[in-house]
Amino acid sequence: MSGDRLKTSHRMIALYNAQDADGYGEHMTDAACEATYRGAVIRDGKEGVRSGLKAMFAQFPQNKAEILRSYVLGEAVVLHEDVSRAPDGETFEVMSIYSFVGDKVDRVEFIR
């Protein structure tokens, strides 16, 4: 199961890099959310994630995330990512923690 979850997380980053918000959202539960680590929800529900990503992709059309390292521990997947908003633009590192319900992502928390 954990290998499948790692593959799902990596697939979601590939869809994110392709700016495919609909495809990204298909890997999430209906009640899924994206949030800061132990903090505020940024995007609420599968549809909130989709619409939020579409707005971000419109604002940053060359946004990309590169996976630096991947970890699986118990039921969670953690990705260490390097994100850039534009080529030759500002980059920043993020730790993304993916929590699952079954084979779908139910919550992604970001440490930045």
N, C-alpha and C. Protein backbone atom coordinates (compact mmCIF):
# COMPACT_ATOMS: atom_id res chain seq x y z
N MET A 1 0.83 -1.21 0.00
CA MET A 1 0.00 0.00 0.00
C MET A 1 0.87 1.26 0.00
N SER A 2 1.95 1.27 0.80
CA SER A 2 2.76 2.49 0.91
C SER A 2 3.42 2.84 -0.42
N GLY A 3 3.84 1.82 -1.21
CA GLY A 3 4.41 2.08 -2.52
C GLY A 3 3.40 2.73 -3.45
N ASP A 4 2.15 2.30 -3.36
CA ASP A 4 1.09 2.90 -4.17
C ASP A 4 0.87 4.36 -3.77
N ARG A 5 0.95 4.64 -2.50
CA ARG A 5 0.75 6.02 -2.03
C ARG A 5 1.89 6.92 -2.50
N LEU A 6 3.09 6.39 -2.49
CA LEU A 6 4.23 7.17 -3.01
C LEU A 6 4.03 7.45 -4.49
N LYS A 7 3.61 6.44 -5.24
CA LYS A 7 3.34 6.63 -6.68
C LYS A 7 2.25 7.67 -6.89
N THR A 8 1.20 7.63 -6.07
CA THR A 8 0.12 8.61 -6.18
C THR A 8 0.64 10.02 -5.93
N SER A 9 1.45 10.19 -4.90
CA SER A 9 2.00 11.51 -4.58
C SER A 9 2.88 12.03 -5.72
N HIS A 10 3.70 11.16 -6.27
CA HIS A 10 4.56 11.55 -7.39
C HIS A 10 3.72 11.88 -8.62
N ARG A 11 2.68 11.11 -8.85
CA ARG A 11 1.78 11.38 -9.99
C ARG A 11 1.11 12.74 -9.81
N MET A 12 0.72 13.07 -8.59
CA MET A 12 0.09 14.37 -8.33
C MET A 12 1.06 15.51 -8.64
N ILE A 13 2.34 15.35 -8.31
CA ILE A 13 3.32 16.39 -8.63
C ILE A 13 3.49 16.50 -10.14
N ALA A 14 3.48 15.39 -10.86
CA ALA A 14 3.55 15.44 -12.32
C ALA A 14 2.35 16.20 -12.89
N LEU A 15 1.17 15.96 -12.35
CA LEU A 15 -0.03 16.67 -12.80
C LEU A 15 0.04 18.15 -12.42
N TYR A 16 0.55 18.44 -11.23
CA TYR A 16 0.77 19.82 -10.79
C TYR A 16 1.70 20.53 -11.77
N ASN A 17 2.79 19.87 -12.14
CA ASN A 17 3.74 20.48 -13.07
C ASN A 17 3.16 20.66 -14.46
N ALA A 18 2.21 19.83 -14.82
CA ALA A 18 1.51 19.97 -16.10
C ALA A 18 0.36 20.98 -16.00
N GLN A 19 0.19 21.51 -14.82
CA GLN A 19 -0.89 22.45 -14.50
C GLN A 19 -2.27 21.85 -14.80
N ASP A 20 -2.40 20.58 -14.45
CA ASP A 20 -3.65 19.85 -14.62
C ASP A 20 -4.35 19.75 -13.27
N ALA A 21 -5.06 20.80 -12.90
CA ALA A 21 -5.74 20.85 -11.61
C ALA A 21 -6.82 19.79 -11.50
N ASP A 22 -7.50 19.50 -12.61
CA ASP A 22 -8.55 18.47 -12.58
C ASP A 22 -7.96 17.09 -12.31
N GLY A 23 -6.88 16.76 -13.01
CA GLY A 23 -6.23 15.48 -12.80
C GLY A 23 -5.67 15.35 -11.39
N TYR A 24 -5.08 16.42 -10.88
CA TYR A 24 -4.55 16.45 -9.52
C TYR A 24 -5.68 16.16 -8.53
N GLY A 25 -6.80 16.82 -8.71
CA GLY A 25 -7.94 16.67 -7.81
C GLY A 25 -8.55 15.28 -7.82
N GLU A 26 -8.40 14.56 -8.92
CA GLU A 26 -8.96 13.21 -9.00
C GLU A 26 -8.31 12.25 -8.02
N HIS A 27 -7.16 12.59 -7.52
CA HIS A 27 -6.46 11.74 -6.55
C HIS A 27 -6.83 12.09 -5.11
N MET A 28 -7.80 12.98 -4.93
CA MET A 28 -8.18 13.44 -3.60
C MET A 28 -9.60 13.01 -3.24
N THR A 29 -9.85 12.87 -1.94
CA THR A 29 -11.21 12.59 -1.47
C THR A 29 -12.06 13.85 -1.69
N ASP A 30 -13.36 13.71 -1.65
CA ASP A 30 -14.24 14.87 -1.82
C ASP A 30 -14.03 15.90 -0.72
N ALA A 31 -13.68 15.44 0.48
CA ALA A 31 -13.51 16.34 1.63
C ALA A 31 -12.06 16.77 1.83
N ALA A 32 -11.20 16.46 0.88
CA ALA A 32 -9.77 16.75 1.02
C ALA A 32 -9.51 18.24 1.19
N CYS A 33 -8.33 18.54 1.71
CA CYS A 33 -7.91 19.94 1.82
C CYS A 33 -6.40 20.04 1.71
N GLU A 34 -5.95 21.25 1.44
CA GLU A 34 -4.54 21.60 1.51
C GLU A 34 -4.41 22.67 2.57
N ALA A 35 -3.37 22.56 3.40
CA ALA A 35 -3.26 23.45 4.55
C ALA A 35 -1.79 23.70 4.89
N THR A 36 -1.57 24.74 5.67
CA THR A 36 -0.25 24.90 6.25
C THR A 36 -0.11 23.84 7.34
N TYR A 37 1.11 23.49 7.69
CA TYR A 37 1.33 22.46 8.70
C TYR A 37 0.73 22.87 10.03
N ARG A 38 -0.20 22.06 10.52
CA ARG A 38 -0.90 22.29 11.79
C ARG A 38 -1.57 23.67 11.84
N GLY A 39 -1.97 24.16 10.66
CA GLY A 39 -2.51 25.51 10.62
C GLY A 39 -3.71 25.64 9.71
N ALA A 40 -3.82 26.81 9.15
CA ALA A 40 -5.00 27.20 8.36
C ALA A 40 -5.13 26.40 7.07
N VAL A 41 -6.37 26.09 6.73
CA VAL A 41 -6.68 25.44 5.46
C VAL A 41 -6.56 26.48 4.36
N ILE A 42 -5.82 26.13 3.32
CA ILE A 42 -5.61 27.02 2.18
C ILE A 42 -6.67 26.76 1.11
N ARG A 43 -6.92 25.48 0.84
CA ARG A 43 -7.91 25.07 -0.16
C ARG A 43 -8.75 23.97 0.46
N ASP A 44 -10.07 24.14 0.46
CA ASP A 44 -10.97 23.24 1.17
C ASP A 44 -11.84 22.46 0.21
N GLY A 45 -11.83 21.13 0.34
CA GLY A 45 -12.62 20.24 -0.50
C GLY A 45 -11.95 20.02 -1.85
N LYS A 46 -12.30 18.92 -2.49
CA LYS A 46 -11.71 18.60 -3.80
C LYS A 46 -11.92 19.75 -4.78
N GLU A 47 -13.11 20.30 -4.79
CA GLU A 47 -13.40 21.41 -5.73
C GLU A 47 -12.64 22.67 -5.34
N GLY A 48 -12.46 22.90 -4.05
CA GLY A 48 -11.67 24.04 -3.60
C GLY A 48 -10.21 23.92 -4.00
N VAL A 49 -9.69 22.69 -3.93
CA VAL A 49 -8.32 22.45 -4.38
C VAL A 49 -8.21 22.71 -5.87
N ARG A 50 -9.15 22.18 -6.63
CA ARG A 50 -9.12 22.39 -8.09
C ARG A 50 -9.17 23.87 -8.45
N SER A 51 -10.13 24.56 -7.90
CA SER A 51 -10.28 25.98 -8.27
C SER A 51 -9.10 26.81 -7.76
N GLY A 52 -8.58 26.48 -6.59
CA GLY A 52 -7.43 27.20 -6.05
C GLY A 52 -6.18 26.99 -6.89
N LEU A 53 -5.97 25.75 -7.34
CA LEU A 53 -4.82 25.48 -8.19
C LEU A 53 -4.96 26.17 -9.55
N LYS A 54 -6.18 26.17 -10.10
CA LYS A 54 -6.39 26.84 -11.39
C LYS A 54 -6.06 28.33 -11.28
N ALA A 55 -6.46 28.95 -10.18
CA ALA A 55 -6.16 30.38 -9.97
C ALA A 55 -4.65 30.58 -9.83
N MET A 56 -3.98 29.70 -9.09
CA MET A 56 -2.53 29.82 -8.91
C MET A 56 -1.81 29.61 -10.24
N PHE A 57 -2.25 28.64 -11.03
CA PHE A 57 -1.61 28.39 -12.32
C PHE A 57 -1.80 29.57 -13.27
N ALA A 58 -2.94 30.24 -13.19
CA ALA A 58 -3.16 31.44 -14.00
C ALA A 58 -2.19 32.55 -13.58
N GLN A 59 -1.94 32.66 -12.29
CA GLN A 59 -1.04 33.69 -11.77
C GLN A 59 0.43 33.35 -12.04
N PHE A 60 0.76 32.06 -11.98
CA PHE A 60 2.14 31.61 -12.18
C PHE A 60 2.15 30.51 -13.25
N PRO A 61 2.05 30.88 -14.52
CA PRO A 61 1.91 29.87 -15.58
C PRO A 61 3.15 28.99 -15.80
N GLN A 62 4.27 29.33 -15.20
CA GLN A 62 5.47 28.50 -15.35
C GLN A 62 5.87 27.85 -14.02
N ASN A 63 4.96 27.80 -13.08
CA ASN A 63 5.19 27.20 -11.76
C ASN A 63 5.56 25.73 -11.91
N LYS A 64 6.60 25.30 -11.21
CA LYS A 64 7.02 23.90 -11.22
C LYS A 64 7.52 23.49 -9.84
N ALA A 65 7.36 22.21 -9.53
CA ALA A 65 7.89 21.64 -8.29
C ALA A 65 8.78 20.45 -8.65
N GLU A 66 9.97 20.44 -8.10
CA GLU A 66 10.90 19.33 -8.29
C GLU A 66 11.00 18.57 -6.98
N ILE A 67 10.78 17.27 -7.05
CA ILE A 67 10.89 16.44 -5.86
C ILE A 67 12.37 16.18 -5.58
N LEU A 68 12.84 16.62 -4.43
CA LEU A 68 14.23 16.40 -4.02
C LEU A 68 14.39 15.07 -3.30
N ARG A 69 13.43 14.75 -2.44
CA ARG A 69 13.45 13.49 -1.69
C ARG A 69 12.01 13.08 -1.39
N SER A 70 11.84 11.78 -1.21
CA SER A 70 10.53 11.22 -0.87
C SER A 70 10.69 10.30 0.33
N TYR A 71 9.68 10.35 1.20
CA TYR A 71 9.69 9.50 2.39
C TYR A 71 8.30 8.89 2.57
N VAL A 72 8.27 7.65 3.02
CA VAL A 72 7.02 7.00 3.39
C VAL A 72 7.20 6.54 4.83
N LEU A 73 6.28 6.94 5.68
CA LEU A 73 6.32 6.50 7.07
C LEU A 73 4.88 6.21 7.49
N GLY A 74 4.62 4.96 7.79
CA GLY A 74 3.27 4.57 8.16
C GLY A 74 2.30 4.88 7.04
N GLU A 75 1.29 5.64 7.36
CA GLU A 75 0.24 5.98 6.40
C GLU A 75 0.52 7.26 5.63
N ALA A 76 1.65 7.92 5.90
CA ALA A 76 1.92 9.24 5.30
C ALA A 76 3.04 9.17 4.27
N VAL A 77 2.97 10.09 3.32
CA VAL A 77 4.05 10.32 2.36
C VAL A 77 4.51 11.75 2.57
N VAL A 78 5.81 11.94 2.61
CA VAL A 78 6.39 13.27 2.75
C VAL A 78 7.29 13.53 1.55
N LEU A 79 7.07 14.64 0.87
CA LEU A 79 7.91 15.03 -0.26
C LEU A 79 8.65 16.30 0.10
N HIS A 80 9.95 16.30 -0.13
CA HIS A 80 10.76 17.50 -0.01
C HIS A 80 10.88 18.05 -1.42
N GLU A 81 10.37 19.26 -1.63
CA GLU A 81 10.27 19.83 -2.97
C GLU A 81 11.00 21.16 -3.07
N ASP A 82 11.48 21.45 -4.27
CA ASP A 82 12.00 22.76 -4.62
C ASP A 82 11.03 23.34 -5.64
N VAL A 83 10.43 24.47 -5.32
CA VAL A 83 9.39 25.07 -6.15
C VAL A 83 9.90 26.35 -6.77
N SER A 84 9.60 26.53 -8.04
CA SER A 84 9.93 27.80 -8.71
C SER A 84 8.66 28.33 -9.38
N ARG A 85 8.50 29.62 -9.31
CA ARG A 85 7.34 30.26 -9.92
C ARG A 85 7.57 30.56 -11.39
N ALA A 86 8.84 30.75 -11.77
CA ALA A 86 9.20 31.05 -13.15
C ALA A 86 10.66 30.66 -13.35
N PRO A 87 11.06 30.32 -14.58
CA PRO A 87 12.47 30.05 -14.84
C PRO A 87 13.31 31.26 -14.41
N ASP A 88 14.41 31.00 -13.76
CA ASP A 88 15.30 32.05 -13.27
C ASP A 88 14.64 32.95 -12.23
N GLY A 89 13.49 32.53 -11.70
CA GLY A 89 12.80 33.30 -10.67
C GLY A 89 13.12 32.76 -9.29
N GLU A 90 12.44 33.31 -8.31
CA GLU A 90 12.60 32.88 -6.92
C GLU A 90 12.23 31.40 -6.79
N THR A 91 13.01 30.69 -6.00
CA THR A 91 12.67 29.31 -5.65
C THR A 91 12.54 29.21 -4.13
N PHE A 92 11.82 28.21 -3.69
CA PHE A 92 11.68 27.97 -2.26
C PHE A 92 11.47 26.49 -2.04
N GLU A 93 11.88 26.02 -0.86
CA GLU A 93 11.72 24.62 -0.52
C GLU A 93 10.47 24.41 0.31
N VAL A 94 9.85 23.26 0.11
CA VAL A 94 8.62 22.91 0.81
C VAL A 94 8.70 21.44 1.22
N MET A 95 8.22 21.14 2.40
CA MET A 95 7.95 19.76 2.79
C MET A 95 6.44 19.60 2.71
N SER A 96 5.98 18.64 1.93
CA SER A 96 4.55 18.39 1.76
C SER A 96 4.22 17.03 2.38
N ILE A 97 3.26 17.04 3.28
CA ILE A 97 2.87 15.82 3.99
C ILE A 97 1.51 15.38 3.46
N TYR A 98 1.47 14.22 2.83
CA TYR A 98 0.24 13.68 2.24
C TYR A 98 -0.36 12.65 3.18
N SER A 99 -1.60 12.88 3.60
CA SER A 99 -2.34 11.93 4.44
C SER A 99 -3.42 11.30 3.58
N PHE A 100 -3.61 10.02 3.72
CA PHE A 100 -4.53 9.26 2.86
C PHE A 100 -5.71 8.69 3.63
N VAL A 101 -6.80 8.52 2.91
CA VAL A 101 -7.93 7.71 3.32
C VAL A 101 -8.10 6.71 2.18
N GLY A 102 -7.80 5.45 2.46
CA GLY A 102 -7.78 4.46 1.39
C GLY A 102 -6.69 4.81 0.39
N ASP A 103 -7.06 4.86 -0.89
CA ASP A 103 -6.07 5.17 -1.92
C ASP A 103 -6.12 6.63 -2.37
N LYS A 104 -6.89 7.46 -1.67
CA LYS A 104 -7.03 8.88 -2.02
C LYS A 104 -6.38 9.77 -0.97
N VAL A 105 -5.86 10.89 -1.41
CA VAL A 105 -5.29 11.89 -0.51
C VAL A 105 -6.42 12.64 0.17
N ASP A 106 -6.36 12.76 1.48
CA ASP A 106 -7.38 13.46 2.23
C ASP A 106 -6.90 14.81 2.74
N ARG A 107 -5.58 14.95 2.88
CA ARG A 107 -5.04 16.21 3.37
C ARG A 107 -3.58 16.32 2.92
N VAL A 108 -3.21 17.52 2.49
CA VAL A 108 -1.81 17.83 2.20
C VAL A 108 -1.47 19.03 3.07
N GLU A 109 -0.41 18.89 3.88
CA GLU A 109 0.04 20.01 4.71
C GLU A 109 1.43 20.43 4.24
N PHE A 110 1.64 21.74 4.20
CA PHE A 110 2.88 22.30 3.69
C PHE A 110 3.69 22.95 4.80
N ILE A 111 4.97 22.62 4.86
CA ILE A 111 5.92 23.30 5.74
C ILE A 111 6.84 24.08 4.82
N ARG A 112 6.89 25.39 5.04
CA ARG A 112 7.72 26.23 4.18
C ARG A 112 8.54 27.16 5.02
